[in-house]
All heavy atoms as atom14 arrays in JSON, in Angstrom:
{
  "sequence": "DNAKNTVYLQMNSLKPEDTAVYYCNLERWWLQDYWGQGTQVTV",
  "atom14_mask": [
    [1, 1, 1, 1, 1, 1, 1, 1, 0, 0, 0, 0, 0, 0],
    [1, 1, 1, 1, 1, 1, 1, 1, 0, 0, 0, 0, 0, 0],
    [1, 1, 1, 1, 1, 0, 0, 0, 0, 0, 0, 0, 0, 0],
    [1, 1, 1, 1, 1, 1, 1, 1, 1, 0, 0, 0, 0, 0],
    [1, 1, 1, 1, 1, 1, 1, 1, 0, 0, 0, 0, 0, 0],
    [1, 1, 1, 1, 1, 1, 1, 0, 0, 0, 0, 0, 0, 0],
    [1, 1, 1, 1, 1, 1, 1, 0, 0, 0, 0, 0, 0, 0],
    [1, 1, 1, 1, 1, 1, 1, 1, 1, 1, 1, 1, 0, 0],
    [1, 1, 1, 1, 1, 1, 1, 1, 0, 0, 0, 0, 0, 0],
    [1, 1, 1, 1, 1, 1, 1, 1, 1, 0, 0, 0, 0, 0],
    [1, 1, 1, 1, 1, 1, 1, 1, 0, 0, 0, 0, 0, 0],
    [1, 1, 1, 1, 1, 1, 1, 1, 0, 0, 0, 0, 0, 0],
    [1, 1, 1, 1, 1, 1, 0, 0, 0, 0, 0, 0, 0, 0],
    [1, 1, 1, 1, 1, 1, 1, 1, 0, 0, 0, 0, 0, 0],
    [1, 1, 1, 1, 1, 1, 1, 1, 1, 0, 0, 0, 0, 0],
    [1, 1, 1, 1, 1, 1, 1, 0, 0, 0, 0, 0, 0, 0],
    [1, 1, 1, 1, 1, 1, 1, 1, 1, 0, 0, 0, 0, 0],
    [1, 1, 1, 1, 1, 1, 1, 1, 0, 0, 0, 0, 0, 0],
    [1, 1, 1, 1, 1, 1, 1, 0, 0, 0, 0, 0, 0, 0],
    [1, 1, 1, 1, 1, 0, 0, 0, 0, 0, 0, 0, 0, 0],
    [1, 1, 1, 1, 1, 1, 1, 0, 0, 0, 0, 0, 0, 0],
    [1, 1, 1, 1, 1, 1, 1, 1, 1, 1, 1, 1, 0, 0],
    [1, 1, 1, 1, 1, 1, 1, 1, 1, 1, 1, 1, 0, 0],
    [1, 1, 1, 1, 1, 1, 0, 0, 0, 0, 0, 0, 0, 0],
    [1, 1, 1, 1, 1, 1, 1, 1, 0, 0, 0, 0, 0, 0],
    [1, 1, 1, 1, 1, 1, 1, 1, 0, 0, 0, 0, 0, 0],
    [1, 1, 1, 1, 1, 1, 1, 1, 1, 0, 0, 0, 0, 0],
    [1, 1, 1, 1, 1, 1, 1, 1, 1, 1, 1, 0, 0, 0],
    [1, 1, 1, 1, 1, 1, 1, 1, 1, 1, 1, 1, 1, 1],
    [1, 1, 1, 1, 1, 1, 1, 1, 1, 1, 1, 1, 1, 1],
    [1, 1, 1, 1, 1, 1, 1, 1, 0, 0, 0, 0, 0, 0],
    [1, 1, 1, 1, 1, 1, 1, 1, 1, 0, 0, 0, 0, 0],
    [1, 1, 1, 1, 1, 1, 1, 1, 0, 0, 0, 0, 0, 0],
    [1, 1, 1, 1, 1, 1, 1, 1, 1, 1, 1, 1, 0, 0],
    [1, 1, 1, 1, 1, 1, 1, 1, 1, 1, 1, 1, 1, 1],
    [1, 1, 1, 1, 0, 0, 0, 0, 0, 0, 0, 0, 0, 0],
    [1, 1, 1, 1, 1, 1, 1, 1, 1, 0, 0, 0, 0, 0],
    [1, 1, 1, 1, 0, 0, 0, 0, 0, 0, 0, 0, 0, 0],
    [1, 1, 1, 1, 1, 1, 1, 0, 0, 0, 0, 0, 0, 0],
    [1, 1, 1, 1, 1, 1, 1, 1, 1, 0, 0, 0, 0, 0],
    [1, 1, 1, 1, 1, 1, 1, 0, 0, 0, 0, 0, 0, 0],
    [1, 1, 1, 1, 1, 1, 1, 0, 0, 0, 0, 0, 0, 0],
    [1, 1, 1, 1, 1, 1, 1, 0, 0, 0, 0, 0, 0, 0]
  ],
  "atom14_positions": [
    [[158.1, 306.3, 204.81], [157.13, 307.09, 205.55], [155.77, 306.6, 205.03], [155.28, 307.01, 203.99], [157.33, 308.61, 205.26], [156.34, 309.45, 206.05], [155.33, 309.0, 206.48], [156.64, 310.7, 206.18], [0.0, 0.0, 0.0], [0.0, 0.0, 0.0], [0.0, 0.0, 0.0], [0.0, 0.0, 0.0], [0.0, 0.0, 0.0], [0.0, 0.0, 0.0]],
    [[155.21, 305.66, 205.81], [153.93, 305.08, 205.39], [152.79, 306.02, 205.21], [151.93, 305.88, 204.34], [153.52, 303.98, 206.41], [154.36, 302.75, 206.33], [155.12, 302.55, 205.35], [154.26, 301.89, 207.34], [0.0, 0.0, 0.0], [0.0, 0.0, 0.0], [0.0, 0.0, 0.0], [0.0, 0.0, 0.0], [0.0, 0.0, 0.0], [0.0, 0.0, 0.0]],
    [[152.76, 307.06, 206.09], [151.67, 308.06, 206.03], [151.69, 308.78, 204.69], [150.66, 309.28, 204.21], [151.78, 309.04, 207.15], [0.0, 0.0, 0.0], [0.0, 0.0, 0.0], [0.0, 0.0, 0.0], [0.0, 0.0, 0.0], [0.0, 0.0, 0.0], [0.0, 0.0, 0.0], [0.0, 0.0, 0.0], [0.0, 0.0, 0.0], [0.0, 0.0, 0.0]],
    [[152.82, 308.9, 204.08], [153.05, 309.6, 202.84], [153.2, 308.69, 201.67], [153.4, 309.12, 200.54], [154.19, 310.59, 202.87], [154.01, 311.66, 203.87], [155.26, 312.61, 203.88], [155.0, 313.8, 204.84], [156.21, 314.69, 204.91], [0.0, 0.0, 0.0], [0.0, 0.0, 0.0], [0.0, 0.0, 0.0], [0.0, 0.0, 0.0], [0.0, 0.0, 0.0]],
    [[153.2, 307.38, 201.92], [153.43, 306.41, 200.85], [154.72, 306.75, 200.16], [154.73, 306.77, 198.9], [152.26, 306.26, 199.9], [151.12, 305.41, 200.48], [151.3, 304.78, 201.45], [149.98, 305.6, 199.82], [0.0, 0.0, 0.0], [0.0, 0.0, 0.0], [0.0, 0.0, 0.0], [0.0, 0.0, 0.0], [0.0, 0.0, 0.0], [0.0, 0.0, 0.0]],
    [[155.78, 307.03, 200.87], [157.05, 307.45, 200.33], [158.15, 306.56, 200.82], [158.18, 306.08, 201.98], [157.32, 308.89, 200.74], [156.33, 309.73, 200.29], [158.64, 309.41, 200.19], [0.0, 0.0, 0.0], [0.0, 0.0, 0.0], [0.0, 0.0, 0.0], [0.0, 0.0, 0.0], [0.0, 0.0, 0.0], [0.0, 0.0, 0.0], [0.0, 0.0, 0.0]],
    [[159.08, 306.31, 199.93], [160.25, 305.52, 200.27], [161.51, 306.23, 199.9], [161.51, 306.98, 198.85], [160.14, 304.11, 199.59], [160.26, 304.21, 198.07], [161.23, 303.2, 200.09], [0.0, 0.0, 0.0], [0.0, 0.0, 0.0], [0.0, 0.0, 0.0], [0.0, 0.0, 0.0], [0.0, 0.0, 0.0], [0.0, 0.0, 0.0], [0.0, 0.0, 0.0]],
    [[162.53, 306.07, 200.63], [163.83, 306.71, 200.35], [164.93, 305.72, 200.3], [164.91, 304.65, 200.91], [164.16, 307.72, 201.5], [163.1, 308.69, 201.83], [162.1, 308.44, 202.74], [162.98, 309.94, 201.15], [161.06, 309.37, 203.09], [161.99, 310.82, 201.41], [161.06, 310.5, 202.39], [160.08, 311.44, 202.64], [0.0, 0.0, 0.0], [0.0, 0.0, 0.0]],
    [[165.92, 306.02, 199.55], [167.12, 305.25, 199.47], [168.32, 306.15, 199.53], [168.67, 306.89, 198.66], [167.22, 304.45, 198.15], [168.36, 303.48, 198.03], [168.19, 302.28, 199.01], [168.45, 302.92, 196.53], [0.0, 0.0, 0.0], [0.0, 0.0, 0.0], [0.0, 0.0, 0.0], [0.0, 0.0, 0.0], [0.0, 0.0, 0.0], [0.0, 0.0, 0.0]],
    [[169.01, 306.03, 200.68], [170.25, 306.73, 200.95], [171.36, 305.91, 200.43], [171.6, 304.8, 200.9], [170.4, 307.11, 202.39], [171.69, 307.82, 202.81], [171.69, 309.22, 202.23], [170.75, 309.9, 202.29], [172.81, 309.61, 201.63], [0.0, 0.0, 0.0], [0.0, 0.0, 0.0], [0.0, 0.0, 0.0], [0.0, 0.0, 0.0], [0.0, 0.0, 0.0]],
    [[172.13, 306.44, 199.46], [173.17, 305.73, 198.87], [174.5, 306.41, 199.17], [174.79, 307.54, 198.74], [173.0, 305.68, 197.32], [171.66, 305.09, 196.95], [171.48, 304.79, 195.09], [171.54, 306.58, 194.6], [0.0, 0.0, 0.0], [0.0, 0.0, 0.0], [0.0, 0.0, 0.0], [0.0, 0.0, 0.0], [0.0, 0.0, 0.0], [0.0, 0.0, 0.0]],
    [[175.33, 305.76, 199.93], [176.65, 306.26, 200.33], [177.77, 305.4, 199.73], [177.53, 304.28, 199.22], [176.83, 306.22, 201.8], [175.77, 307.11, 202.55], [175.45, 308.17, 202.03], [175.33, 306.66, 203.72], [0.0, 0.0, 0.0], [0.0, 0.0, 0.0], [0.0, 0.0, 0.0], [0.0, 0.0, 0.0], [0.0, 0.0, 0.0], [0.0, 0.0, 0.0]],
    [[178.91, 305.97, 199.7], [180.15, 305.26, 199.13], [179.83, 304.69, 197.76], [180.11, 303.53, 197.44], [180.56, 304.18, 200.1], [180.92, 304.7, 201.34], [0.0, 0.0, 0.0], [0.0, 0.0, 0.0], [0.0, 0.0, 0.0], [0.0, 0.0, 0.0], [0.0, 0.0, 0.0], [0.0, 0.0, 0.0], [0.0, 0.0, 0.0], [0.0, 0.0, 0.0]],
    [[179.28, 305.52, 196.9], [178.9, 305.03, 195.58], [180.11, 304.64, 194.77], [181.15, 305.19, 194.89], [178.08, 306.09, 194.89], [176.67, 306.26, 195.35], [176.07, 307.6, 194.99], [175.8, 305.16, 194.78], [0.0, 0.0, 0.0], [0.0, 0.0, 0.0], [0.0, 0.0, 0.0], [0.0, 0.0, 0.0], [0.0, 0.0, 0.0], [0.0, 0.0, 0.0]],
    [[179.87, 303.63, 193.98], [180.82, 303.02, 193.12], [180.4, 303.16, 191.64], [179.16, 303.18, 191.39], [181.07, 301.59, 193.46], [181.47, 301.32, 194.9], [181.64, 299.83, 195.19], [182.0, 299.55, 196.59], [182.13, 298.09, 196.85], [0.0, 0.0, 0.0], [0.0, 0.0, 0.0], [0.0, 0.0, 0.0], [0.0, 0.0, 0.0], [0.0, 0.0, 0.0]],
    [[181.3, 303.13, 190.69], [180.84, 303.14, 189.3], [179.93, 302.0, 188.92], [179.07, 302.16, 188.08], [182.23, 303.03, 188.55], [183.2, 303.68, 189.45], [182.77, 303.32, 190.82], [0.0, 0.0, 0.0], [0.0, 0.0, 0.0], [0.0, 0.0, 0.0], [0.0, 0.0, 0.0], [0.0, 0.0, 0.0], [0.0, 0.0, 0.0], [0.0, 0.0, 0.0]],
    [[180.08, 300.91, 189.66], [179.22, 299.73, 189.35], [177.77, 300.0, 189.77], [176.84, 299.27, 189.42], [179.71, 298.49, 190.09], [181.17, 298.14, 189.81], [182.08, 298.74, 190.91], [182.38, 298.1, 191.89], [182.55, 299.91, 190.64], [0.0, 0.0, 0.0], [0.0, 0.0, 0.0], [0.0, 0.0, 0.0], [0.0, 0.0, 0.0], [0.0, 0.0, 0.0]],
    [[177.51, 301.06, 190.56], [176.16, 301.39, 190.91], [175.44, 302.24, 189.82], [174.27, 302.48, 189.96], [176.17, 302.21, 192.17], [176.67, 301.45, 193.43], [176.34, 300.28, 193.61], [177.47, 302.07, 194.22], [0.0, 0.0, 0.0], [0.0, 0.0, 0.0], [0.0, 0.0, 0.0], [0.0, 0.0, 0.0], [0.0, 0.0, 0.0], [0.0, 0.0, 0.0]],
    [[176.16, 302.53, 188.8], [175.51, 303.28, 187.7], [174.45, 302.48, 187.1], [174.61, 301.3, 186.62], [176.57, 303.68, 186.67], [177.5, 304.64, 187.24], [175.9, 304.36, 185.46], [0.0, 0.0, 0.0], [0.0, 0.0, 0.0], [0.0, 0.0, 0.0], [0.0, 0.0, 0.0], [0.0, 0.0, 0.0], [0.0, 0.0, 0.0], [0.0, 0.0, 0.0]],
    [[173.22, 303.07, 187.01], [172.07, 302.38, 186.49], [170.86, 303.28, 186.44], [170.94, 304.42, 187.09], [171.8, 301.11, 187.33], [0.0, 0.0, 0.0], [0.0, 0.0, 0.0], [0.0, 0.0, 0.0], [0.0, 0.0, 0.0], [0.0, 0.0, 0.0], [0.0, 0.0, 0.0], [0.0, 0.0, 0.0], [0.0, 0.0, 0.0], [0.0, 0.0, 0.0]],
    [[169.83, 302.84, 185.84], [168.51, 303.46, 186.04], [167.84, 302.81, 187.2], [167.73, 301.58, 187.26], [167.66, 303.33, 184.77], [166.24, 304.01, 184.98], [168.32, 304.05, 183.56], [0.0, 0.0, 0.0], [0.0, 0.0, 0.0], [0.0, 0.0, 0.0], [0.0, 0.0, 0.0], [0.0, 0.0, 0.0], [0.0, 0.0, 0.0], [0.0, 0.0, 0.0]],
    [[167.45, 303.59, 188.15], [166.82, 303.16, 189.39], [165.32, 303.3, 189.26], [164.84, 304.43, 188.98], [167.41, 303.83, 190.59], [168.76, 303.33, 190.97], [169.83, 303.63, 190.2], [168.98, 302.57, 192.11], [171.14, 303.14, 190.49], [170.21, 302.11, 192.48], [171.32, 302.44, 191.67], [172.54, 301.97, 191.94], [0.0, 0.0, 0.0], [0.0, 0.0, 0.0]],
    [[164.58, 302.24, 189.58], [163.14, 302.26, 189.44], [162.49, 302.04, 190.77], [162.81, 301.07, 191.49], [162.64, 301.17, 188.52], [163.09, 301.37, 187.05], [164.23, 300.75, 186.55], [162.28, 302.07, 186.19], [164.63, 300.93, 185.27], [162.7, 302.17, 184.84], [163.89, 301.67, 184.36], [164.24, 301.81, 183.06], [0.0, 0.0, 0.0], [0.0, 0.0, 0.0]],
    [[161.57, 302.91, 191.1], [160.77, 302.69, 192.32], [159.7, 301.63, 192.09], [159.09, 301.59, 190.99], [160.13, 304.06, 192.73], [159.11, 303.94, 194.19], [0.0, 0.0, 0.0], [0.0, 0.0, 0.0], [0.0, 0.0, 0.0], [0.0, 0.0, 0.0], [0.0, 0.0, 0.0], [0.0, 0.0, 0.0], [0.0, 0.0, 0.0], [0.0, 0.0, 0.0]],
    [[159.5, 300.81, 193.03], [158.54, 299.79, 192.95], [157.61, 299.74, 194.19], [158.07, 299.94, 195.34], [159.27, 298.36, 192.88], [158.31, 297.22, 193.03], [158.17, 296.57, 194.09], [157.63, 296.9, 191.96], [0.0, 0.0, 0.0], [0.0, 0.0, 0.0], [0.0, 0.0, 0.0], [0.0, 0.0, 0.0], [0.0, 0.0, 0.0], [0.0, 0.0, 0.0]],
    [[156.36, 299.61, 193.91], [155.34, 299.45, 194.93], [154.7, 298.04, 194.78], [154.04, 297.85, 193.74], [154.27, 300.5, 194.9], [153.33, 300.66, 196.06], [152.77, 302.06, 196.21], [152.11, 299.69, 195.76], [0.0, 0.0, 0.0], [0.0, 0.0, 0.0], [0.0, 0.0, 0.0], [0.0, 0.0, 0.0], [0.0, 0.0, 0.0], [0.0, 0.0, 0.0]],
    [[154.94, 297.21, 195.73], [154.47, 295.82, 195.67], [153.14, 295.68, 196.41], [153.09, 296.21, 197.62], [155.48, 294.86, 196.19], [155.18, 293.41, 196.07], [156.32, 292.56, 196.61], [157.3, 293.08, 197.02], [156.12, 291.3, 196.62], [0.0, 0.0, 0.0], [0.0, 0.0, 0.0], [0.0, 0.0, 0.0], [0.0, 0.0, 0.0], [0.0, 0.0, 0.0]],
    [[152.2, 294.96, 195.88], [150.9, 294.83, 196.56], [150.58, 293.37, 196.8], [151.05, 292.43, 196.09], [149.82, 295.47, 195.71], [150.06, 296.97, 195.49], [148.71, 297.6, 195.0], [148.36, 297.22, 193.71], [147.13, 297.39, 193.13], [146.18, 297.99, 193.84], [146.92, 297.02, 191.89], [0.0, 0.0, 0.0], [0.0, 0.0, 0.0], [0.0, 0.0, 0.0]],
    [[149.8, 293.15, 197.8], [149.32, 291.81, 198.1], [148.32, 291.4, 197.02], [147.3, 292.02, 196.83], [148.66, 291.75, 199.47], [149.55, 292.01, 200.62], [149.69, 293.19, 201.42], [150.51, 291.1, 201.18], [150.6, 293.03, 202.34], [151.12, 291.75, 202.25], [150.86, 289.78, 200.94], [152.07, 291.19, 203.08], [151.88, 289.2, 201.68], [152.47, 289.88, 202.73]],
    [[148.63, 290.35, 196.36], [147.71, 289.71, 195.34], [147.35, 290.6, 194.18], [146.44, 290.18, 193.38], [146.43, 289.21, 196.11], [146.67, 288.33, 197.26], [146.49, 288.65, 198.56], [147.18, 287.01, 197.2], [146.83, 287.57, 199.34], [147.22, 286.53, 198.54], [147.52, 286.1, 196.21], [147.72, 285.27, 198.84], [147.94, 284.85, 196.5], [147.99, 284.46, 197.84]],
    [[147.91, 291.7, 194.06], [147.65, 292.61, 192.96], [149.04, 293.01, 192.26], [150.0, 292.9, 192.79], [146.89, 293.86, 193.51], [145.55, 293.6, 194.17], [145.02, 294.87, 194.84], [144.48, 293.05, 193.15], [0.0, 0.0, 0.0], [0.0, 0.0, 0.0], [0.0, 0.0, 0.0], [0.0, 0.0, 0.0], [0.0, 0.0, 0.0], [0.0, 0.0, 0.0]],
    [[148.75, 293.56, 191.06], [149.89, 293.91, 190.28], [150.6, 295.11, 190.85], [150.1, 296.07, 191.42], [149.39, 294.24, 188.84], [150.53, 294.39, 187.81], [150.04, 294.47, 186.42], [148.86, 294.07, 186.1], [150.82, 294.93, 185.52], [0.0, 0.0, 0.0], [0.0, 0.0, 0.0], [0.0, 0.0, 0.0], [0.0, 0.0, 0.0], [0.0, 0.0, 0.0]],
    [[151.91, 295.12, 190.71], [152.8, 296.15, 191.18], [152.68, 297.44, 190.38], [152.26, 297.36, 189.24], [154.31, 295.76, 191.16], [154.63, 294.57, 192.05], [153.72, 294.03, 192.71], [155.84, 294.2, 192.03], [0.0, 0.0, 0.0], [0.0, 0.0, 0.0], [0.0, 0.0, 0.0], [0.0, 0.0, 0.0], [0.0, 0.0, 0.0], [0.0, 0.0, 0.0]],
    [[153.04, 298.52, 191.01], [153.23, 299.78, 190.32], [154.7, 300.11, 190.19], [155.49, 299.75, 191.07], [152.53, 300.94, 191.09], [151.03, 300.83, 191.01], [150.27, 300.5, 192.16], [150.38, 301.15, 189.88], [148.92, 300.44, 192.11], [148.92, 301.14, 189.85], [148.27, 300.8, 190.99], [146.86, 300.73, 190.98], [0.0, 0.0, 0.0], [0.0, 0.0, 0.0]],
    [[155.05, 300.83, 189.1], [156.42, 301.14, 188.86], [156.53, 302.58, 188.56], [155.74, 303.13, 187.89], [157.02, 300.3, 187.71], [157.17, 298.88, 187.96], [156.25, 297.89, 187.85], [158.32, 298.21, 188.54], [156.77, 296.67, 188.21], [158.08, 296.83, 188.66], [159.57, 298.7, 188.88], [159.01, 295.95, 189.08], [160.56, 297.83, 189.4], [160.21, 296.41, 189.41]],
    [[157.69, 303.23, 188.97], [158.06, 304.57, 188.52], [158.67, 304.51, 187.15], [158.96, 303.45, 186.59], [0.0, 0.0, 0.0], [0.0, 0.0, 0.0], [0.0, 0.0, 0.0], [0.0, 0.0, 0.0], [0.0, 0.0, 0.0], [0.0, 0.0, 0.0], [0.0, 0.0, 0.0], [0.0, 0.0, 0.0], [0.0, 0.0, 0.0], [0.0, 0.0, 0.0]],
    [[158.94, 305.68, 186.64], [159.51, 305.77, 185.34], [160.98, 305.56, 185.28], [161.62, 305.31, 184.25], [159.28, 307.2, 184.79], [157.77, 307.44, 184.42], [157.55, 308.81, 183.82], [157.32, 309.79, 184.5], [157.6, 308.85, 182.49], [0.0, 0.0, 0.0], [0.0, 0.0, 0.0], [0.0, 0.0, 0.0], [0.0, 0.0, 0.0], [0.0, 0.0, 0.0]],
    [[161.72, 305.62, 186.43], [163.08, 305.49, 186.53], [163.85, 306.78, 186.62], [163.42, 307.79, 186.03], [0.0, 0.0, 0.0], [0.0, 0.0, 0.0], [0.0, 0.0, 0.0], [0.0, 0.0, 0.0], [0.0, 0.0, 0.0], [0.0, 0.0, 0.0], [0.0, 0.0, 0.0], [0.0, 0.0, 0.0], [0.0, 0.0, 0.0], [0.0, 0.0, 0.0]],
    [[164.87, 306.76, 187.36], [165.8, 307.9, 187.51], [167.23, 307.46, 187.33], [167.66, 306.42, 187.93], [165.57, 308.65, 188.9], [166.42, 309.81, 188.98], [165.92, 307.69, 190.1], [0.0, 0.0, 0.0], [0.0, 0.0, 0.0], [0.0, 0.0, 0.0], [0.0, 0.0, 0.0], [0.0, 0.0, 0.0], [0.0, 0.0, 0.0], [0.0, 0.0, 0.0]],
    [[167.99, 308.19, 186.57], [169.37, 307.81, 186.2], [170.33, 308.22, 187.36], [170.31, 309.28, 187.87], [169.79, 308.52, 184.94], [171.25, 308.21, 184.54], [171.46, 306.79, 184.09], [170.69, 306.35, 183.24], [172.48, 306.15, 184.54], [0.0, 0.0, 0.0], [0.0, 0.0, 0.0], [0.0, 0.0, 0.0], [0.0, 0.0, 0.0], [0.0, 0.0, 0.0]],
    [[171.14, 307.21, 187.72], [172.24, 307.42, 188.66], [173.51, 307.11, 187.98], [173.69, 305.96, 187.44], [172.04, 306.55, 189.97], [173.35, 306.67, 190.8], [170.81, 306.98, 190.76], [0.0, 0.0, 0.0], [0.0, 0.0, 0.0], [0.0, 0.0, 0.0], [0.0, 0.0, 0.0], [0.0, 0.0, 0.0], [0.0, 0.0, 0.0], [0.0, 0.0, 0.0]],
    [[174.4, 308.07, 187.89], [175.63, 307.86, 187.2], [176.8, 308.16, 188.2], [176.86, 309.28, 188.76], [175.82, 308.78, 186.02], [174.77, 308.46, 185.1], [177.15, 308.51, 185.29], [0.0, 0.0, 0.0], [0.0, 0.0, 0.0], [0.0, 0.0, 0.0], [0.0, 0.0, 0.0], [0.0, 0.0, 0.0], [0.0, 0.0, 0.0], [0.0, 0.0, 0.0]],
    [[177.69, 307.18, 188.39], [178.86, 307.35, 189.29], [180.1, 307.35, 188.51], [180.4, 306.35, 187.83], [178.87, 306.28, 190.37], [180.01, 306.53, 191.31], [177.54, 306.16, 191.08], [0.0, 0.0, 0.0], [0.0, 0.0, 0.0], [0.0, 0.0, 0.0], [0.0, 0.0, 0.0], [0.0, 0.0, 0.0], [0.0, 0.0, 0.0], [0.0, 0.0, 0.0]]
  ]
}
């Protein structure tokens, strides 16, 4: 949702191999990225 600067990730059919800390990333043209703190996903 560009108006809200929001991104979503719908994760279906999750597997144990998907277990990880997931980090949001905002990539910019010619400038340094921003990162979220991470959220734990455990399957």
